[in-house]
């Protein structure tokens, strides 16, 4: 199913229908199908060619394929997935993205890469871009990531210079929930609304 925090908080961002949504480290997330079904265009980037091929196959889509300097592009049904490295994207690749949805990218990266990711990927998104960032919070001493714990203070440190940040919700994840991370005593998820400042 699509991410519950997406369904709850995306409408309040005011992203117009038809806008292009950037989904970094997209995998084969069902959230992309939700965006397309609700009238958005999707631009995702994913290192795994198999994940991209499985995504389109599982949704009964036959993508057109082309190559660019960013990688191999697969496109069908309002969804374009680039088989390539998110760090290789430039401002030209992301200039039409009015929004970003980050559920699995930031928390997949270790601390030093999170700094680079905020600096080298989010900085390429255009002024006015709106986003929904979903993180996990737990005692990092209890287990190694990924997924990694990214507390609120770090979100502000990573993005606060260029983005307005609004914590919309923090909620606990029950130990019997399929998304619970093993080996931790408590797990919270948090949703932040973002907007790129000039």
Protein backbone atom coordinates (compact mmCIF):
# COMPACT_ATOMS: atom_id res chain seq x y z
CA UNK A 1 0.00 0.00 0.00
CA UNK A 2 1.15 3.60 -0.44
CA UNK A 3 2.90 5.15 2.56
CA UNK A 4 0.25 6.29 5.09
CA UNK A 5 2.12 9.51 5.92
CA UNK A 6 2.15 10.33 2.20
CA UNK A 7 -1.60 9.91 1.93
CA UNK A 8 -2.17 12.03 5.04
CA UNK A 9 0.21 14.92 4.44
CA UNK A 10 0.78 15.26 0.70
CA UNK A 11 -2.50 17.09 -0.01
CA UNK A 12 -1.55 19.87 2.42
CA UNK A 13 1.59 20.70 0.43
CA UNK A 14 -0.47 22.24 -2.35
CA UNK A 15 1.44 20.60 -5.20
CA UNK A 16 -0.74 21.08 -8.29
CA UNK A 17 -1.97 18.07 -10.26
CA UNK A 18 0.17 17.46 -13.31
CA UNK A 19 3.34 18.59 -11.53
CA UNK A 20 6.50 16.51 -11.72
CA UNK A 21 7.54 14.76 -8.50
CA UNK A 22 11.14 13.67 -7.98
CA UNK A 23 11.54 10.34 -6.15
CA UNK A 24 15.19 9.59 -5.27
CA UNK A 25 16.32 6.00 -4.69
CA UNK A 26 12.91 5.02 -5.99
CA UNK A 27 13.19 1.24 -5.96
CA UNK A 28 9.82 -0.16 -6.99
CA UNK A 29 7.80 1.82 -4.49
CA UNK A 30 4.02 1.73 -4.79
CA UNK A 31 4.06 5.43 -3.92
CA UNK A 32 5.06 6.17 -7.51
CA UNK A 33 1.96 4.45 -8.82
CA UNK A 34 -0.12 6.48 -6.37
CA UNK A 35 1.37 9.72 -7.70
CA UNK A 36 0.65 8.72 -11.30
CA UNK A 37 -2.90 7.63 -10.46
CA UNK A 38 -3.50 11.04 -8.89
CA UNK A 39 -2.40 13.00 -11.93
CA UNK A 40 1.24 13.69 -11.14
CA UNK A 41 4.26 12.98 -13.30
CA UNK A 42 7.04 11.01 -11.64
CA UNK A 43 10.77 11.25 -12.17
CA UNK A 44 12.57 8.58 -10.18
CA UNK A 45 16.19 7.51 -10.04
CA UNK A 46 17.30 4.03 -9.05
CA UNK A 47 20.60 2.12 -9.28
CA UNK A 48 18.96 -1.29 -9.68
CA UNK A 49 17.86 -2.05 -13.24
CA UNK A 50 16.01 -5.12 -11.94
CA UNK A 51 13.92 -3.02 -9.53
CA UNK A 52 12.93 -0.71 -12.39
CA UNK A 53 12.01 -3.56 -14.72
CA UNK A 54 10.00 -5.27 -11.98
CA UNK A 55 8.17 -2.05 -11.16
CA UNK A 56 6.86 -1.64 -14.69
CA UNK A 57 6.12 -5.36 -15.07
CA UNK A 58 4.16 -5.49 -11.81
CA UNK A 59 2.02 -2.57 -12.99
CA UNK A 60 1.44 -4.00 -16.46
CA UNK A 61 3.36 -1.21 -18.17
CA UNK A 62 5.67 -1.55 -21.17
CA UNK A 63 8.14 1.32 -20.89
CA UNK A 64 9.85 3.12 -23.69
CA UNK A 65 13.60 3.17 -23.23
CA UNK A 66 16.19 5.81 -24.08
CA UNK A 67 19.69 6.64 -22.93
CA UNK A 68 21.13 9.95 -21.73
CA UNK A 69 24.19 11.11 -19.84
CA UNK A 70 22.27 10.35 -16.63
CA UNK A 71 21.67 6.69 -17.46
CA UNK A 72 18.99 4.59 -19.09
CA UNK A 73 15.47 6.05 -18.90
CA UNK A 74 12.36 3.86 -18.69
CA UNK A 75 9.05 5.68 -19.15
CA UNK A 76 5.39 4.64 -19.18
CA UNK A 77 2.13 5.66 -17.53
CA UNK A 78 3.37 9.06 -16.41
CA UNK A 79 6.38 7.54 -14.64
CA UNK A 80 9.98 7.94 -15.80
CA UNK A 81 12.67 5.99 -13.95
CA UNK A 82 16.34 6.61 -14.58
CA UNK A 83 18.64 3.66 -14.04
CA UNK A 84 21.50 5.72 -12.69
CA UNK A 85 23.09 7.50 -9.75
CA UNK A 86 21.12 10.25 -7.98
CA UNK A 87 24.40 12.04 -7.28
CA UNK A 88 25.02 12.32 -11.03
CA UNK A 89 21.85 14.32 -11.67
CA UNK A 90 22.29 18.02 -12.29
CA UNK A 91 20.03 21.05 -12.14
CA UNK A 92 19.04 20.56 -15.77
CA UNK A 93 17.76 17.05 -15.04
CA UNK A 94 15.64 18.30 -12.12
CA UNK A 95 14.58 21.75 -13.35
CA UNK A 96 10.96 20.71 -14.01
CA UNK A 97 10.46 19.03 -10.63
CA UNK A 98 7.90 20.99 -8.61
CA UNK A 99 8.07 18.51 -5.75
CA UNK A 100 10.18 15.84 -4.11
CA UNK A 101 9.10 12.79 -2.12
CA UNK A 102 11.79 11.18 0.01
CA UNK A 103 10.70 8.16 2.01
CA UNK A 104 13.62 5.78 1.61
CA UNK A 105 16.60 7.75 0.32
CA UNK A 106 17.87 9.88 3.21
CA UNK A 107 17.48 7.11 5.79
CA UNK A 108 19.35 4.67 3.54
CA UNK A 109 22.54 6.72 3.66
CA UNK A 110 25.23 6.83 6.37
CA UNK A 111 25.95 10.22 7.98
CA UNK A 112 28.72 11.43 5.65
CA UNK A 113 26.70 10.52 2.58
CA UNK A 114 23.63 12.28 3.98
CA UNK A 115 25.61 15.53 4.04
CA UNK A 116 26.69 14.99 0.44
CA UNK A 117 23.17 14.00 -0.58
CA UNK A 118 21.65 17.19 0.84
CA UNK A 119 24.41 19.29 -0.73
CA UNK A 120 24.64 17.61 -4.13
CA UNK A 121 21.12 16.35 -4.86
CA UNK A 122 18.64 18.58 -3.04
CA UNK A 123 20.61 21.66 -4.08
CA UNK A 124 19.80 20.89 -7.73
CA UNK A 125 16.04 21.17 -7.16
CA UNK A 126 14.51 24.49 -8.24
CA UNK A 127 13.39 27.38 -6.07
CA UNK A 128 9.84 26.86 -4.83
CA UNK A 129 10.08 23.07 -4.99
CA UNK A 130 7.95 21.49 -2.26
CA UNK A 131 8.54 18.17 -0.64
CA UNK A 132 7.61 15.55 1.89
CA UNK A 133 10.49 13.95 3.76
CA UNK A 134 9.85 10.88 5.88
CA UNK A 135 12.47 9.74 8.38
CA UNK A 136 12.98 7.18 11.11
CA UNK A 137 14.17 7.93 14.65
CA UNK A 138 15.63 5.40 17.06
CA UNK A 139 18.68 5.00 19.30
CA UNK A 140 21.44 4.52 16.72
CA UNK A 141 23.58 2.86 19.39
CA UNK A 142 21.14 -0.07 19.42
CA UNK A 143 21.81 -1.14 15.84
CA UNK A 144 23.70 -0.24 12.71
CA UNK A 145 21.77 1.02 9.73
CA UNK A 146 20.45 1.06 7.16
CA UNK A 147 17.85 2.26 7.63
CA UNK A 148 19.50 4.94 9.72
CA UNK A 149 18.04 7.13 12.40
CA UNK A 150 17.82 10.77 11.27
CA UNK A 151 16.67 12.98 14.17
CA UNK A 152 14.96 16.33 13.74
CA UNK A 153 18.10 18.31 14.60
CA UNK A 154 19.95 16.62 11.76
CA UNK A 155 17.15 17.35 9.29
CA UNK A 156 17.47 21.04 10.13
CA UNK A 157 21.27 20.88 9.91
CA UNK A 158 21.15 19.22 6.50
CA UNK A 159 18.44 21.29 4.85
CA UNK A 160 17.83 24.38 6.95
CA UNK A 161 20.06 26.74 4.96
CA UNK A 162 18.07 26.32 1.74
CA UNK A 163 14.72 24.84 2.72
CA UNK A 164 11.92 25.81 5.06
CA UNK A 165 11.16 22.80 7.26
CA UNK A 166 7.91 22.02 9.05
CA UNK A 167 7.54 18.88 11.15
CA UNK A 168 4.01 17.71 10.36
CA UNK A 169 3.88 14.55 12.46
CA UNK A 170 5.92 12.16 14.56
CA UNK A 171 4.37 8.81 15.39
CA UNK A 172 5.60 5.60 17.02
CA UNK A 173 5.80 2.39 14.99
CA UNK A 174 4.52 -0.59 16.95
CA UNK A 175 6.93 -3.53 17.39
CA UNK A 176 4.51 -5.85 15.58
CA UNK A 177 4.27 -3.55 12.52
CA UNK A 178 5.96 -4.92 9.36
CA UNK A 179 7.98 -1.70 9.09
CA UNK A 180 9.49 -2.03 12.55
CA UNK A 181 13.29 -2.16 12.56
CA UNK A 182 14.55 -5.18 14.49
CA UNK A 183 16.94 -4.68 17.37
CA UNK A 184 15.65 -1.33 18.64
CA UNK A 185 13.60 -0.64 21.74
CA UNK A 186 11.60 2.23 20.21
CA UNK A 187 11.03 3.41 16.66
CA UNK A 188 9.34 6.61 15.51
CA UNK A 189 8.66 7.91 12.04
CA UNK A 190 8.47 11.61 11.24
CA UNK A 191 7.09 13.57 8.29
CA UNK A 192 8.45 16.97 7.29
CA UNK A 193 7.06 19.43 4.77
CA UNK A 194 9.84 21.16 2.84
CA UNK A 195 9.95 24.16 0.53
CA UNK A 196 13.02 25.40 -1.34
CA UNK A 197 13.77 29.04 -0.64
CA UNK A 198 15.23 31.44 -3.18
